[in-house]
Amino acid sequence: SRETPWMPMPHSPREDRRFLSRLIAEQEVTTLRDWRGA
């Protein structure tokens, strides 16, 4: 969101964390990892 010039920032970082926590709890989330993590 930050690096996309036309994208407004509709959510704070805290709201993004809550959103991701809800996605992980309620949906199938596939995470791509390498030696640095997700």
ModelCIF file with pLDDT and N, C-alpha, C, O atoms, coordinates in Angstrom:
data_MODEL
#
_entry.id   MODEL 
#
_entity.id                         1 
_entity.type                       polymer 
_entity.pdbx_number_of_molecules   1 
#
_entity_poly.entity_id                      1 
_entity_poly.type                           'polypeptide(L)' 
_entity_poly.nstd_linkage                   no 
_entity_poly.nstd_monomer                   no 
_entity_poly.pdbx_seq_one_letter_code       SRETPWMPMPHSPREDRRFLSRLIAEQEVTTLRDWRGA 
_entity_poly.pdbx_seq_one_letter_code_can   SRETPWMPMPHSPREDRRFLSRLIAEQEVTTLRDWRGA 
_entity_poly.pdbx_strand_id                 A 
#
loop_
_entity_poly_seq.entity_id 
_entity_poly_seq.num 
_entity_poly_seq.mon_id 
_entity_poly_seq.hetero 
1 1  SER n 
1 2  ARG n 
1 3  GLU n 
1 4  THR n 
1 5  PRO n 
1 6  TRP n 
1 7  MET n 
1 8  PRO n 
1 9  MET n 
1 10 PRO n 
1 11 HIS n 
1 12 SER n 
1 13 PRO n 
1 14 ARG n 
1 15 GLU n 
1 16 ASP n 
1 17 ARG n 
1 18 ARG n 
1 19 PHE n 
1 20 LEU n 
1 21 SER n 
1 22 ARG n 
1 23 LEU n 
1 24 ILE n 
1 25 ALA n 
1 26 GLU n 
1 27 GLN n 
1 28 GLU n 
1 29 VAL n 
1 30 THR n 
1 31 THR n 
1 32 LEU n 
1 33 ARG n 
1 34 ASP n 
1 35 TRP n 
1 36 ARG n 
1 37 GLY n 
1 38 ALA n 
#
_struct_asym.id          A 
_struct_asym.entity_id   1 
#
loop_
_ma_qa_metric.id 
_ma_qa_metric.mode 
_ma_qa_metric.name 
_ma_qa_metric.software_group_id 
_ma_qa_metric.type 
1 global pLDDT . pLDDT 
2 local  pLDDT . pLDDT 
#
_ma_qa_metric_global.metric_id      1 
_ma_qa_metric_global.metric_value   84.08 
_ma_qa_metric_global.model_id       1 
_ma_qa_metric_global.ordinal_id     1 
#
loop_
_ma_qa_metric_local.label_asym_id 
_ma_qa_metric_local.label_comp_id 
_ma_qa_metric_local.label_seq_id 
_ma_qa_metric_local.metric_id 
_ma_qa_metric_local.metric_value 
_ma_qa_metric_local.model_id 
_ma_qa_metric_local.ordinal_id 
A SER 1  2 78.00 1 1  
A ARG 2  2 80.00 1 2  
A GLU 3  2 83.00 1 3  
A THR 4  2 79.00 1 4  
A PRO 5  2 76.00 1 5  
A TRP 6  2 78.00 1 6  
A MET 7  2 77.00 1 7  
A PRO 8  2 76.00 1 8  
A MET 9  2 68.00 1 9  
A PRO 10 2 64.00 1 10 
A HIS 11 2 73.00 1 11 
A SER 12 2 80.00 1 12 
A PRO 13 2 80.00 1 13 
A ARG 14 2 84.00 1 14 
A GLU 15 2 85.00 1 15 
A ASP 16 2 80.00 1 16 
A ARG 17 2 85.00 1 17 
A ARG 18 2 87.00 1 18 
A PHE 19 2 86.00 1 19 
A LEU 20 2 86.00 1 20 
A SER 21 2 89.00 1 21 
A ARG 22 2 89.00 1 22 
A LEU 23 2 88.00 1 23 
A ILE 24 2 89.00 1 24 
A ALA 25 2 91.00 1 25 
A GLU 26 2 93.00 1 26 
A GLN 27 2 93.00 1 27 
A GLU 28 2 94.00 1 28 
A VAL 29 2 94.00 1 29 
A THR 30 2 94.00 1 30 
A THR 31 2 93.00 1 31 
A LEU 32 2 91.00 1 32 
A ARG 33 2 89.00 1 33 
A ASP 34 2 85.00 1 34 
A TRP 35 2 86.00 1 35 
A ARG 36 2 82.00 1 36 
A GLY 37 2 83.00 1 37 
A ALA 38 2 87.00 1 38 
#
loop_
_atom_site.group_PDB 
_atom_site.id 
_atom_site.type_symbol 
_atom_site.label_atom_id 
_atom_site.label_alt_id 
_atom_site.label_comp_id 
_atom_site.label_asym_id 
_atom_site.label_entity_id 
_atom_site.label_seq_id 
_atom_site.pdbx_PDB_ins_code 
_atom_site.Cartn_x 
_atom_site.Cartn_y 
_atom_site.Cartn_z 
_atom_site.occupancy 
_atom_site.B_iso_or_equiv 
_atom_site.pdbx_formal_charge 
_atom_site.auth_seq_id 
_atom_site.auth_comp_id 
_atom_site.auth_asym_id 
_atom_site.auth_atom_id 
_atom_site.pdbx_PDB_model_num 
ATOM 1   N N  . SER A 1 1  ? 0.828   -1.210  0.000  1.00 78.00 ? 1  SER A N  1 
ATOM 2   C CA . SER A 1 1  ? 0.000   0.000   0.000  1.00 78.00 ? 1  SER A CA 1 
ATOM 3   C C  . SER A 1 1  ? 0.863   1.261   0.000  1.00 78.00 ? 1  SER A C  1 
ATOM 4   O O  . SER A 1 1  ? 0.572   2.218   -0.718 1.00 78.00 ? 1  SER A O  1 
ATOM 5   N N  . ARG A 1 2  ? 1.920   1.257   0.805  1.00 80.00 ? 2  ARG A N  1 
ATOM 6   C CA . ARG A 1 2  ? 2.797   2.439   0.895  1.00 80.00 ? 2  ARG A CA 1 
ATOM 7   C C  . ARG A 1 2  ? 3.521   2.725   -0.410 1.00 80.00 ? 2  ARG A C  1 
ATOM 8   O O  . ARG A 1 2  ? 3.694   3.887   -0.776 1.00 80.00 ? 2  ARG A O  1 
ATOM 9   N N  . GLU A 1 3  ? 3.947   1.685   -1.116 1.00 83.00 ? 3  GLU A N  1 
ATOM 10  C CA . GLU A 1 3  ? 4.755   1.904   -2.322 1.00 83.00 ? 3  GLU A CA 1 
ATOM 11  C C  . GLU A 1 3  ? 3.922   2.034   -3.591 1.00 83.00 ? 3  GLU A C  1 
ATOM 12  O O  . GLU A 1 3  ? 4.482   2.216   -4.672 1.00 83.00 ? 3  GLU A O  1 
ATOM 13  N N  . THR A 1 4  ? 2.609   1.945   -3.485 1.00 79.00 ? 4  THR A N  1 
ATOM 14  C CA . THR A 1 4  ? 1.729   2.062   -4.649 1.00 79.00 ? 4  THR A CA 1 
ATOM 15  C C  . THR A 1 4  ? 1.147   3.473   -4.665 1.00 79.00 ? 4  THR A C  1 
ATOM 16  O O  . THR A 1 4  ? 0.288   3.792   -3.844 1.00 79.00 ? 4  THR A O  1 
ATOM 17  N N  . PRO A 1 5  ? 1.605   4.326   -5.595 1.00 76.00 ? 5  PRO A N  1 
ATOM 18  C CA . PRO A 1 5  ? 1.250   5.749   -5.562 1.00 76.00 ? 5  PRO A CA 1 
ATOM 19  C C  . PRO A 1 5  ? -0.248  6.034   -5.605 1.00 76.00 ? 5  PRO A C  1 
ATOM 20  O O  . PRO A 1 5  ? -0.701  6.989   -4.973 1.00 76.00 ? 5  PRO A O  1 
ATOM 21  N N  . TRP A 1 6  ? -1.015  5.250   -6.317 1.00 78.00 ? 6  TRP A N  1 
ATOM 22  C CA . TRP A 1 6  ? -2.441  5.523   -6.470 1.00 78.00 ? 6  TRP A CA 1 
ATOM 23  C C  . TRP A 1 6  ? -3.280  4.907   -5.354 1.00 78.00 ? 6  TRP A C  1 
ATOM 24  O O  . TRP A 1 6  ? -4.493  5.108   -5.309 1.00 78.00 ? 6  TRP A O  1 
ATOM 25  N N  . MET A 1 7  ? -2.643  4.161   -4.457 1.00 77.00 ? 7  MET A N  1 
ATOM 26  C CA . MET A 1 7  ? -3.381  3.460   -3.404 1.00 77.00 ? 7  MET A CA 1 
ATOM 27  C C  . MET A 1 7  ? -3.451  4.309   -2.142 1.00 77.00 ? 7  MET A C  1 
ATOM 28  O O  . MET A 1 7  ? -2.417  4.643   -1.564 1.00 77.00 ? 7  MET A O  1 
ATOM 29  N N  . PRO A 1 8  ? -4.669  4.665   -1.705 1.00 76.00 ? 8  PRO A N  1 
ATOM 30  C CA . PRO A 1 8  ? -4.762  5.365   -0.420 1.00 76.00 ? 8  PRO A CA 1 
ATOM 31  C C  . PRO A 1 8  ? -4.434  4.385   0.714  1.00 76.00 ? 8  PRO A C  1 
ATOM 32  O O  . PRO A 1 8  ? -4.471  3.171   0.516  1.00 76.00 ? 8  PRO A O  1 
ATOM 33  N N  . MET A 1 9  ? -4.122  4.896   1.865  1.00 68.00 ? 9  MET A N  1 
ATOM 34  C CA . MET A 1 9  ? -3.850  4.049   3.030  1.00 68.00 ? 9  MET A CA 1 
ATOM 35  C C  . MET A 1 9  ? -5.137  3.962   3.849  1.00 68.00 ? 9  MET A C  1 
ATOM 36  O O  . MET A 1 9  ? -5.323  4.730   4.792  1.00 68.00 ? 9  MET A O  1 
ATOM 37  N N  . PRO A 1 10 ? -6.033  3.023   3.493  1.00 64.00 ? 10 PRO A N  1 
ATOM 38  C CA . PRO A 1 10 ? -7.319  2.972   4.195  1.00 64.00 ? 10 PRO A CA 1 
ATOM 39  C C  . PRO A 1 10 ? -7.210  2.416   5.618  1.00 64.00 ? 10 PRO A C  1 
ATOM 40  O O  . PRO A 1 10 ? -8.133  2.583   6.415  1.00 64.00 ? 10 PRO A O  1 
ATOM 41  N N  . HIS A 1 11 ? -6.093  1.760   5.946  1.00 73.00 ? 11 HIS A N  1 
ATOM 42  C CA . HIS A 1 11 ? -5.966  1.120   7.257  1.00 73.00 ? 11 HIS A CA 1 
ATOM 43  C C  . HIS A 1 11 ? -4.609  1.433   7.875  1.00 73.00 ? 11 HIS A C  1 
ATOM 44  O O  . HIS A 1 11 ? -3.618  1.627   7.171  1.00 73.00 ? 11 HIS A O  1 
ATOM 45  N N  . SER A 1 12 ? -4.584  1.478   9.174  1.00 80.00 ? 12 SER A N  1 
ATOM 46  C CA . SER A 1 12 ? -3.336  1.654   9.910  1.00 80.00 ? 12 SER A CA 1 
ATOM 47  C C  . SER A 1 12 ? -2.609  0.312   9.979  1.00 80.00 ? 12 SER A C  1 
ATOM 48  O O  . SER A 1 12 ? -3.218  -0.725  9.717  1.00 80.00 ? 12 SER A O  1 
ATOM 49  N N  . PRO A 1 13 ? -1.326  0.308   10.325 1.00 80.00 ? 13 PRO A N  1 
ATOM 50  C CA . PRO A 1 13 ? -0.613  -0.968  10.501 1.00 80.00 ? 13 PRO A CA 1 
ATOM 51  C C  . PRO A 1 13 ? -1.300  -1.878  11.526 1.00 80.00 ? 13 PRO A C  1 
ATOM 52  O O  . PRO A 1 13 ? -1.341  -3.095  11.345 1.00 80.00 ? 13 PRO A O  1 
ATOM 53  N N  . ARG A 1 14 ? -1.831  -1.298  12.589 1.00 84.00 ? 14 ARG A N  1 
ATOM 54  C CA . ARG A 1 14 ? -2.548  -2.106  13.600 1.00 84.00 ? 14 ARG A CA 1 
ATOM 55  C C  . ARG A 1 14 ? -3.793  -2.762  12.991 1.00 84.00 ? 14 ARG A C  1 
ATOM 56  O O  . ARG A 1 14 ? -4.079  -3.928  13.264 1.00 84.00 ? 14 ARG A O  1 
ATOM 57  N N  . GLU A 1 15 ? -4.528  -2.015  12.170 1.00 85.00 ? 15 GLU A N  1 
ATOM 58  C CA . GLU A 1 15 ? -5.706  -2.574  11.503 1.00 85.00 ? 15 GLU A CA 1 
ATOM 59  C C  . GLU A 1 15 ? -5.301  -3.670  10.521 1.00 85.00 ? 15 GLU A C  1 
ATOM 60  O O  . GLU A 1 15 ? -5.993  -4.680  10.396 1.00 85.00 ? 15 GLU A O  1 
ATOM 61  N N  . ASP A 1 16 ? -4.177  -3.474  9.820  1.00 80.00 ? 16 ASP A N  1 
ATOM 62  C CA . ASP A 1 16 ? -3.681  -4.525  8.915  1.00 80.00 ? 16 ASP A CA 1 
ATOM 63  C C  . ASP A 1 16 ? -3.349  -5.797  9.693  1.00 80.00 ? 16 ASP A C  1 
ATOM 64  O O  . ASP A 1 16 ? -3.641  -6.897  9.224  1.00 80.00 ? 16 ASP A O  1 
ATOM 65  N N  . ARG A 1 17 ? -2.742  -5.666  10.876 1.00 85.00 ? 17 ARG A N  1 
ATOM 66  C CA . ARG A 1 17 ? -2.437  -6.850  11.701 1.00 85.00 ? 17 ARG A CA 1 
ATOM 67  C C  . ARG A 1 17 ? -3.711  -7.567  12.122 1.00 85.00 ? 17 ARG A C  1 
ATOM 68  O O  . ARG A 1 17 ? -3.787  -8.794  12.067 1.00 85.00 ? 17 ARG A O  1 
ATOM 69  N N  . ARG A 1 18 ? -4.713  -6.796  12.543 1.00 87.00 ? 18 ARG A N  1 
ATOM 70  C CA . ARG A 1 18 ? -5.995  -7.418  12.928 1.00 87.00 ? 18 ARG A CA 1 
ATOM 71  C C  . ARG A 1 18 ? -6.628  -8.129  11.729 1.00 87.00 ? 18 ARG A C  1 
ATOM 72  O O  . ARG A 1 18 ? -7.150  -9.237  11.861 1.00 87.00 ? 18 ARG A O  1 
ATOM 73  N N  . PHE A 1 19 ? -6.578  -7.488  10.569 1.00 86.00 ? 19 PHE A N  1 
ATOM 74  C CA . PHE A 1 19 ? -7.126  -8.077  9.349  1.00 86.00 ? 19 PHE A CA 1 
ATOM 75  C C  . PHE A 1 19 ? -6.425  -9.396  9.031  1.00 86.00 ? 19 PHE A C  1 
ATOM 76  O O  . PHE A 1 19 ? -7.080  -10.394 8.733  1.00 86.00 ? 19 PHE A O  1 
ATOM 77  N N  . LEU A 1 20 ? -5.093  -9.399  9.094  1.00 86.00 ? 20 LEU A N  1 
ATOM 78  C CA . LEU A 1 20 ? -4.340  -10.619 8.800  1.00 86.00 ? 20 LEU A CA 1 
ATOM 79  C C  . LEU A 1 20 ? -4.598  -11.698 9.837  1.00 86.00 ? 20 LEU A C  1 
ATOM 80  O O  . LEU A 1 20 ? -4.691  -12.874 9.486  1.00 86.00 ? 20 LEU A O  1 
ATOM 81  N N  . SER A 1 21 ? -4.713  -11.333 11.086 1.00 89.00 ? 21 SER A N  1 
ATOM 82  C CA . SER A 1 21 ? -5.030  -12.318 12.129 1.00 89.00 ? 21 SER A CA 1 
ATOM 83  C C  . SER A 1 21 ? -6.379  -12.965 11.847 1.00 89.00 ? 21 SER A C  1 
ATOM 84  O O  . SER A 1 21 ? -6.538  -14.176 12.001 1.00 89.00 ? 21 SER A O  1 
ATOM 85  N N  . ARG A 1 22 ? -7.349  -12.157 11.433 1.00 89.00 ? 22 ARG A N  1 
ATOM 86  C CA . ARG A 1 22 ? -8.677  -12.689 11.106 1.00 89.00 ? 22 ARG A CA 1 
ATOM 87  C C  . ARG A 1 22 ? -8.609  -13.586 9.867  1.00 89.00 ? 22 ARG A C  1 
ATOM 88  O O  . ARG A 1 22 ? -9.229  -14.649 9.847  1.00 89.00 ? 22 ARG A O  1 
ATOM 89  N N  . LEU A 1 23 ? -7.865  -13.175 8.836  1.00 88.00 ? 23 LEU A N  1 
ATOM 90  C CA . LEU A 1 23 ? -7.716  -14.017 7.641  1.00 88.00 ? 23 LEU A CA 1 
ATOM 91  C C  . LEU A 1 23 ? -7.132  -15.379 8.011  1.00 88.00 ? 23 LEU A C  1 
ATOM 92  O O  . LEU A 1 23 ? -7.628  -16.419 7.579  1.00 88.00 ? 23 LEU A O  1 
ATOM 93  N N  . ILE A 1 24 ? -6.077  -15.354 8.813  1.00 89.00 ? 24 ILE A N  1 
ATOM 94  C CA . ILE A 1 24 ? -5.405  -16.593 9.199  1.00 89.00 ? 24 ILE A CA 1 
ATOM 95  C C  . ILE A 1 24 ? -6.351  -17.503 9.987  1.00 89.00 ? 24 ILE A C  1 
ATOM 96  O O  . ILE A 1 24 ? -6.331  -18.722 9.812  1.00 89.00 ? 24 ILE A O  1 
ATOM 97  N N  . ALA A 1 25 ? -7.170  -16.917 10.846 1.00 91.00 ? 25 ALA A N  1 
ATOM 98  C CA . ALA A 1 25 ? -8.096  -17.701 11.673 1.00 91.00 ? 25 ALA A CA 1 
ATOM 99  C C  . ALA A 1 25 ? -9.272  -18.256 10.878 1.00 91.00 ? 25 ALA A C  1 
ATOM 100 O O  . ALA A 1 25 ? -9.761  -19.347 11.171 1.00 91.00 ? 25 ALA A O  1 
ATOM 101 N N  . GLU A 1 26 ? -9.732  -17.503 9.865  1.00 93.00 ? 26 GLU A N  1 
ATOM 102 C CA . GLU A 1 26 ? -10.986 -17.845 9.201  1.00 93.00 ? 26 GLU A CA 1 
ATOM 103 C C  . GLU A 1 26 ? -10.840 -18.439 7.812  1.00 93.00 ? 26 GLU A C  1 
ATOM 104 O O  . GLU A 1 26 ? -11.787 -19.042 7.306  1.00 93.00 ? 26 GLU A O  1 
ATOM 105 N N  . GLN A 1 27 ? -9.681  -18.286 7.179  1.00 93.00 ? 27 GLN A N  1 
ATOM 106 C CA . GLN A 1 27 ? -9.530  -18.737 5.802  1.00 93.00 ? 27 GLN A CA 1 
ATOM 107 C C  . GLN A 1 27 ? -8.308  -19.632 5.666  1.00 93.00 ? 27 GLN A C  1 
ATOM 108 O O  . GLN A 1 27 ? -7.510  -19.784 6.591  1.00 93.00 ? 27 GLN A O  1 
ATOM 109 N N  . GLU A 1 28 ? -8.193  -20.212 4.491  1.00 94.00 ? 28 GLU A N  1 
ATOM 110 C CA . GLU A 1 28 ? -6.981  -20.974 4.188  1.00 94.00 ? 28 GLU A CA 1 
ATOM 111 C C  . GLU A 1 28 ? -5.930  -19.981 3.706  1.00 94.00 ? 28 GLU A C  1 
ATOM 112 O O  . GLU A 1 28 ? -6.113  -19.324 2.681  1.00 94.00 ? 28 GLU A O  1 
ATOM 113 N N  . VAL A 1 29 ? -4.845  -19.876 4.435  1.00 94.00 ? 29 VAL A N  1 
ATOM 114 C CA . VAL A 1 29 ? -3.771  -18.958 4.082  1.00 94.00 ? 29 VAL A CA 1 
ATOM 115 C C  . VAL A 1 29 ? -2.519  -19.777 3.803  1.00 94.00 ? 29 VAL A C  1 
ATOM 116 O O  . VAL A 1 29 ? -2.027  -20.502 4.667  1.00 94.00 ? 29 VAL A O  1 
ATOM 117 N N  . THR A 1 30 ? -2.018  -19.650 2.592  1.00 94.00 ? 30 THR A N  1 
ATOM 118 C CA . THR A 1 30 ? -0.773  -20.299 2.204  1.00 94.00 ? 30 THR A CA 1 
ATOM 119 C C  . THR A 1 30 ? 0.326   -19.259 2.266  1.00 94.00 ? 30 THR A C  1 
ATOM 120 O O  . THR A 1 30 ? 0.234   -18.205 1.636  1.00 94.00 ? 30 THR A O  1 
ATOM 121 N N  . THR A 1 31 ? 1.364   -19.560 3.026  1.00 93.00 ? 31 THR A N  1 
ATOM 122 C CA . THR A 1 31 ? 2.468   -18.627 3.208  1.00 93.00 ? 31 THR A CA 1 
ATOM 123 C C  . THR A 1 31 ? 3.683   -19.116 2.446  1.00 93.00 ? 31 THR A C  1 
ATOM 124 O O  . THR A 1 31 ? 4.050   -20.288 2.530  1.00 93.00 ? 31 THR A O  1 
ATOM 125 N N  . LEU A 1 32 ? 4.298   -18.226 1.711  1.00 91.00 ? 32 LEU A N  1 
ATOM 126 C CA . LEU A 1 32 ? 5.526   -18.518 0.979  1.00 91.00 ? 32 LEU A CA 1 
ATOM 127 C C  . LEU A 1 32 ? 6.696   -18.093 1.854  1.00 91.00 ? 32 LEU A C  1 
ATOM 128 O O  . LEU A 1 32 ? 6.753   -16.948 2.303  1.00 91.00 ? 32 LEU A O  1 
ATOM 129 N N  . ARG A 1 33 ? 7.628   -19.006 2.099  1.00 89.00 ? 33 ARG A N  1 
ATOM 130 C CA . ARG A 1 33 ? 8.755   -18.725 2.985  1.00 89.00 ? 33 ARG A CA 1 
ATOM 131 C C  . ARG A 1 33 ? 10.081  -19.018 2.292  1.00 89.00 ? 33 ARG A C  1 
ATOM 132 O O  . ARG A 1 33 ? 10.176  -19.846 1.386  1.00 89.00 ? 33 ARG A O  1 
ATOM 133 N N  . ASP A 1 34 ? 11.099  -18.302 2.761  1.00 85.00 ? 34 ASP A N  1 
ATOM 134 C CA . ASP A 1 34 ? 12.473  -18.658 2.429  1.00 85.00 ? 34 ASP A CA 1 
ATOM 135 C C  . ASP A 1 34 ? 13.288  -18.521 3.706  1.00 85.00 ? 34 ASP A C  1 
ATOM 136 O O  . ASP A 1 34 ? 12.711  -18.419 4.789  1.00 85.00 ? 34 ASP A O  1 
ATOM 137 N N  . TRP A 1 35 ? 14.586  -18.516 3.610  1.00 86.00 ? 35 TRP A N  1 
ATOM 138 C CA . TRP A 1 35 ? 15.418  -18.487 4.803  1.00 86.00 ? 35 TRP A CA 1 
ATOM 139 C C  . TRP A 1 35 ? 15.228  -17.222 5.631  1.00 86.00 ? 35 TRP A C  1 
ATOM 140 O O  . TRP A 1 35 ? 15.592  -17.189 6.807  1.00 86.00 ? 35 TRP A O  1 
ATOM 141 N N  . ARG A 1 36 ? 14.644  -16.155 5.009  1.00 82.00 ? 36 ARG A N  1 
ATOM 142 C CA . ARG A 1 36 ? 14.383  -14.906 5.745  1.00 82.00 ? 36 ARG A CA 1 
ATOM 143 C C  . ARG A 1 36 ? 13.026  -14.897 6.426  1.00 82.00 ? 36 ARG A C  1 
ATOM 144 O O  . ARG A 1 36 ? 12.709  -13.967 7.167  1.00 82.00 ? 36 ARG A O  1 
ATOM 145 N N  . GLY A 1 37 ? 12.222  -15.923 6.181  1.00 83.00 ? 37 GLY A N  1 
ATOM 146 C CA . GLY A 1 37 ? 10.875  -15.983 6.764  1.00 83.00 ? 37 GLY A CA 1 
ATOM 147 C C  . GLY A 1 37 ? 9.810   -15.808 5.700  1.00 83.00 ? 37 GLY A C  1 
ATOM 148 O O  . GLY A 1 37 ? 10.047  -16.069 4.520  1.00 83.00 ? 37 GLY A O  1 
ATOM 149 N N  . ALA A 1 38 ? 8.637   -15.364 6.121  1.00 87.00 ? 38 ALA A N  1 
ATOM 150 C CA . ALA A 1 38 ? 7.494   -15.210 5.219  1.00 87.00 ? 38 ALA A CA 1 
ATOM 151 C C  . ALA A 1 38 ? 7.805   -14.155 4.153  1.00 87.00 ? 38 ALA A C  1 
ATOM 152 O O  . ALA A 1 38 ? 6.967   -13.878 3.295  1.00 87.00 ? 38 ALA A O  1 
#
